[in-house]
Amino acid sequence: MIEHIFQDEAIPSTVVVGSVVDIKLFRPKNEDAIVIAKTVVIGKKDKTLSFYLNMAEQEHLKEANTEGLLFLVQYLDMSQSASAVTYIPMYGEKYSESRVEANQSFENSSMKKR
């Protein structure tokens, strides 16, 4: 379980315990990213909401919180299909880029030895 404090304007007025929501990230000049798809609000006290999330989702939520404003989009009911998660953590991008650079460096040095 994780608790998160949202900005006032980030929580639709209709969200209550039991509501099904996506948690999205607003980044200026970028498309909003879906960080967590189709999760259930298990607790609500003012701006603090609670969710059951796995460890990866918890880490993504924490990372996304450092990148911009998190907000909720509410599902009409449980029968709706879950949105596709589109969020890629910045550390994931950096990690991927550094692996590509390392592979390119290795390939270049290997080519010189031949």
C-alpha atoms as a PDB file:
ATOM      1  CA  MET A   1       0.000   0.000   0.000  1.00  0.00           C
ATOM      2  CA  ILE A   2       1.152   3.528  -0.724  1.00  0.00           C
ATOM      3  CA  GLU A   3      -0.230   6.931   0.154  1.00  0.00           C
ATOM      4  CA  HIS A   4       0.229   9.974  -2.018  1.00  0.00           C
ATOM      5  CA  ILE A   5      -0.667  13.618  -1.442  1.00  0.00           C
ATOM      6  CA  PHE A   6      -2.127  15.184  -4.581  1.00  0.00           C
ATOM      7  CA  GLN A   7      -2.720  18.832  -5.441  1.00  0.00           C
ATOM      8  CA  ASP A   8      -6.338  19.947  -4.856  1.00  0.00           C
ATOM      9  CA  GLU A   9      -7.085  20.362  -8.551  1.00  0.00           C
ATOM     10  CA  ALA A  10      -5.617  16.925  -9.346  1.00  0.00           C
ATOM     11  CA  ILE A  11      -8.443  14.936  -7.736  1.00  0.00           C
ATOM     12  CA  PRO A  12     -11.856  14.948  -9.433  1.00  0.00           C
ATOM     13  CA  SER A  13     -14.596  15.843  -6.954  1.00  0.00           C
ATOM     14  CA  THR A  14     -16.330  12.518  -7.639  1.00  0.00           C
ATOM     15  CA  VAL A  15     -13.384  10.379  -6.475  1.00  0.00           C
ATOM     16  CA  VAL A  16     -14.191   8.430  -3.307  1.00  0.00           C
ATOM     17  CA  VAL A  17     -12.928   5.221  -1.689  1.00  0.00           C
ATOM     18  CA  GLY A  18     -13.595   2.473  -4.224  1.00  0.00           C
ATOM     19  CA  SER A  19     -13.190   4.729  -7.270  1.00  0.00           C
ATOM     20  CA  VAL A  20     -11.177   3.298 -10.153  1.00  0.00           C
ATOM     21  CA  VAL A  21      -8.618   5.734 -11.553  1.00  0.00           C
ATOM     22  CA  ASP A  22      -5.584   6.222 -13.740  1.00  0.00           C
ATOM     23  CA  ILE A  23      -2.746   8.251 -12.276  1.00  0.00           C
ATOM     24  CA  LYS A  24      -1.331  10.493 -14.979  1.00  0.00           C
ATOM     25  CA  LEU A  25       1.676  12.790 -15.174  1.00  0.00           C
ATOM     26  CA  PHE A  26       1.326  16.276 -16.609  1.00  0.00           C
ATOM     27  CA  ARG A  27       4.560  17.557 -18.122  1.00  0.00           C
ATOM     28  CA  PRO A  28       4.503  20.919 -19.872  1.00  0.00           C
ATOM     29  CA  LYS A  29       5.239  20.633 -23.596  1.00  0.00           C
ATOM     30  CA  ASN A  30       4.805  16.830 -23.507  1.00  0.00           C
ATOM     31  CA  GLU A  31       1.875  14.466 -23.776  1.00  0.00           C
ATOM     32  CA  ASP A  32       0.411  13.385 -20.441  1.00  0.00           C
ATOM     33  CA  ALA A  33       1.803   9.988 -19.470  1.00  0.00           C
ATOM     34  CA  ILE A  34      -0.171   7.265 -17.729  1.00  0.00           C
ATOM     35  CA  VAL A  35       1.901   6.245 -14.713  1.00  0.00           C
ATOM     36  CA  ILE A  36      -0.548   3.814 -13.077  1.00  0.00           C
ATOM     37  CA  ALA A  37      -3.519   2.334 -14.927  1.00  0.00           C
ATOM     38  CA  LYS A  38      -6.824   1.265 -13.458  1.00  0.00           C
ATOM     39  CA  THR A  39      -6.083   1.270  -9.752  1.00  0.00           C
ATOM     40  CA  VAL A  40      -8.616   1.439  -6.935  1.00  0.00           C
ATOM     41  CA  VAL A  41      -8.620   4.178  -4.303  1.00  0.00           C
ATOM     42  CA  ILE A  42      -8.557   2.298  -0.988  1.00  0.00           C
ATOM     43  CA  GLY A  43      -8.326   5.315   1.285  1.00  0.00           C
ATOM     44  CA  LYS A  44      -9.000   9.038   1.073  1.00  0.00           C
ATOM     45  CA  LYS A  45      -8.354  11.781   3.593  1.00  0.00           C
ATOM     46  CA  ASP A  46      -8.414  15.279   2.150  1.00  0.00           C
ATOM     47  CA  LYS A  47      -5.709  15.327  -0.554  1.00  0.00           C
ATOM     48  CA  THR A  48      -4.087  12.058   0.563  1.00  0.00           C
ATOM     49  CA  LEU A  49      -5.159   8.964  -1.345  1.00  0.00           C
ATOM     50  CA  SER A  50      -4.119   5.355  -0.712  1.00  0.00           C
ATOM     51  CA  PHE A  51      -3.642   2.595  -3.284  1.00  0.00           C
ATOM     52  CA  TYR A  52      -2.429  -1.007  -3.381  1.00  0.00           C
ATOM     53  CA  LEU A  53       0.506  -0.917  -5.807  1.00  0.00           C
ATOM     54  CA  ASN A  54       3.326  -3.351  -6.492  1.00  0.00           C
ATOM     55  CA  MET A  55       6.931  -2.276  -5.911  1.00  0.00           C
ATOM     56  CA  ALA A  56       7.552  -1.236  -9.530  1.00  0.00           C
ATOM     57  CA  GLU A  57       4.380   0.874  -9.562  1.00  0.00           C
ATOM     58  CA  GLN A  58       5.373   2.491  -6.268  1.00  0.00           C
ATOM     59  CA  GLU A  59       8.787   3.399  -7.687  1.00  0.00           C
ATOM     60  CA  HIS A  60       7.215   4.789 -10.865  1.00  0.00           C
ATOM     61  CA  LEU A  61       4.817   6.889  -8.808  1.00  0.00           C
ATOM     62  CA  LYS A  62       7.673   8.298  -6.719  1.00  0.00           C
ATOM     63  CA  GLU A  63       9.799   9.015  -9.793  1.00  0.00           C
ATOM     64  CA  ALA A  64       6.918  10.590 -11.734  1.00  0.00           C
ATOM     65  CA  ASN A  65       6.171  12.835  -8.770  1.00  0.00           C
ATOM     66  CA  THR A  66       9.616  14.436  -9.225  1.00  0.00           C
ATOM     67  CA  GLU A  67       8.949  15.126 -12.916  1.00  0.00           C
ATOM     68  CA  GLY A  68       5.686  17.040 -12.830  1.00  0.00           C
ATOM     69  CA  LEU A  69       2.119  17.231 -11.585  1.00  0.00           C
ATOM     70  CA  LEU A  70       0.303  13.952 -10.928  1.00  0.00           C
ATOM     71  CA  PHE A  71      -3.447  13.917 -11.461  1.00  0.00           C
ATOM     72  CA  LEU A  72      -6.287  11.401 -11.570  1.00  0.00           C
ATOM     73  CA  VAL A  73      -8.648  10.395 -14.340  1.00  0.00           C
ATOM     74  CA  GLN A  74     -11.640   8.445 -13.093  1.00  0.00           C
ATOM     75  CA  TYR A  75     -13.156   5.415 -14.839  1.00  0.00           C
ATOM     76  CA  LEU A  76     -16.929   5.298 -15.169  1.00  0.00           C
ATOM     77  CA  ASP A  77     -16.988   1.677 -13.989  1.00  0.00           C
ATOM     78  CA  MET A  78     -14.846  -1.460 -13.622  1.00  0.00           C
ATOM     79  CA  SER A  79     -15.982  -2.840 -16.991  1.00  0.00           C
ATOM     80  CA  GLN A  80     -13.884  -0.271 -18.868  1.00  0.00           C
ATOM     81  CA  SER A  81     -10.602  -1.536 -20.257  1.00  0.00           C
ATOM     82  CA  ALA A  82      -7.437  -0.383 -18.543  1.00  0.00           C
ATOM     83  CA  SER A  83      -5.433   2.328 -20.238  1.00  0.00           C
ATOM     84  CA  ALA A  84      -1.977   1.472 -21.523  1.00  0.00           C
ATOM     85  CA  VAL A  85       0.782   2.632 -19.188  1.00  0.00           C
ATOM     86  CA  THR A  86       2.853   5.113 -21.187  1.00  0.00           C
ATOM     87  CA  TYR A  87       5.159   6.455 -18.487  1.00  0.00           C
ATOM     88  CA  ILE A  88       8.857   5.710 -18.786  1.00  0.00           C
ATOM     89  CA  PRO A  89      10.848   6.759 -15.719  1.00  0.00           C
ATOM     90  CA  MET A  90      13.628   9.220 -16.411  1.00  0.00           C
ATOM     91  CA  TYR A  91      16.105   6.866 -14.751  1.00  0.00           C
ATOM     92  CA  GLY A  92      14.916   4.175 -17.174  1.00  0.00           C
ATOM     93  CA  GLU A  93      15.655   6.431 -20.145  1.00  0.00           C
ATOM     94  CA  LYS A  94      19.077   7.331 -18.740  1.00  0.00           C
ATOM     95  CA  TYR A  95      19.800   3.673 -18.066  1.00  0.00           C
ATOM     96  CA  SER A  96      18.758   2.687 -21.596  1.00  0.00           C
ATOM     97  CA  GLU A  97      20.800   5.481 -23.157  1.00  0.00           C
ATOM     98  CA  SER A  98      23.898   4.600 -21.128  1.00  0.00           C
ATOM     99  CA  ARG A  99      23.555   0.915 -22.121  1.00  0.00           C
ATOM    100  CA  VAL A 100      23.332   1.876 -25.796  1.00  0.00           C
ATOM    101  CA  GLU A 101      26.386   4.124 -25.445  1.00  0.00           C
ATOM    102  CA  ALA A 102      28.296   1.383 -23.608  1.00  0.00           C
ATOM    103  CA  ASN A 103      27.383  -1.177 -26.293  1.00  0.00           C
ATOM    104  CA  GLN A 104      28.450   1.210 -29.044  1.00  0.00           C
ATOM    105  CA  SER A 105      31.755   1.903 -27.285  1.00  0.00           C
ATOM    106  CA  PHE A 106      32.356  -1.818 -26.841  1.00  0.00           C
ATOM    107  CA  GLU A 107      31.520  -2.543 -30.472  1.00  0.00           C
ATOM    108  CA  ASN A 108      33.815   0.259 -31.656  1.00  0.00           C
ATOM    109  CA  SER A 109      36.713  -0.945 -29.514  1.00  0.00           C
ATOM    110  CA  SER A 110      36.108  -4.549 -30.608  1.00  0.00           C
ATOM    111  CA  MET A 111      36.162  -3.494 -34.263  1.00  0.00           C
ATOM    112  CA  LYS A 112      39.547  -1.776 -33.795  1.00  0.00           C
ATOM    113  CA  LYS A 113      41.076  -4.985 -32.424  1.00  0.00           C
ATOM    114  CA  ARG A 114      40.201  -6.975 -35.535  1.00  0.00           C
END
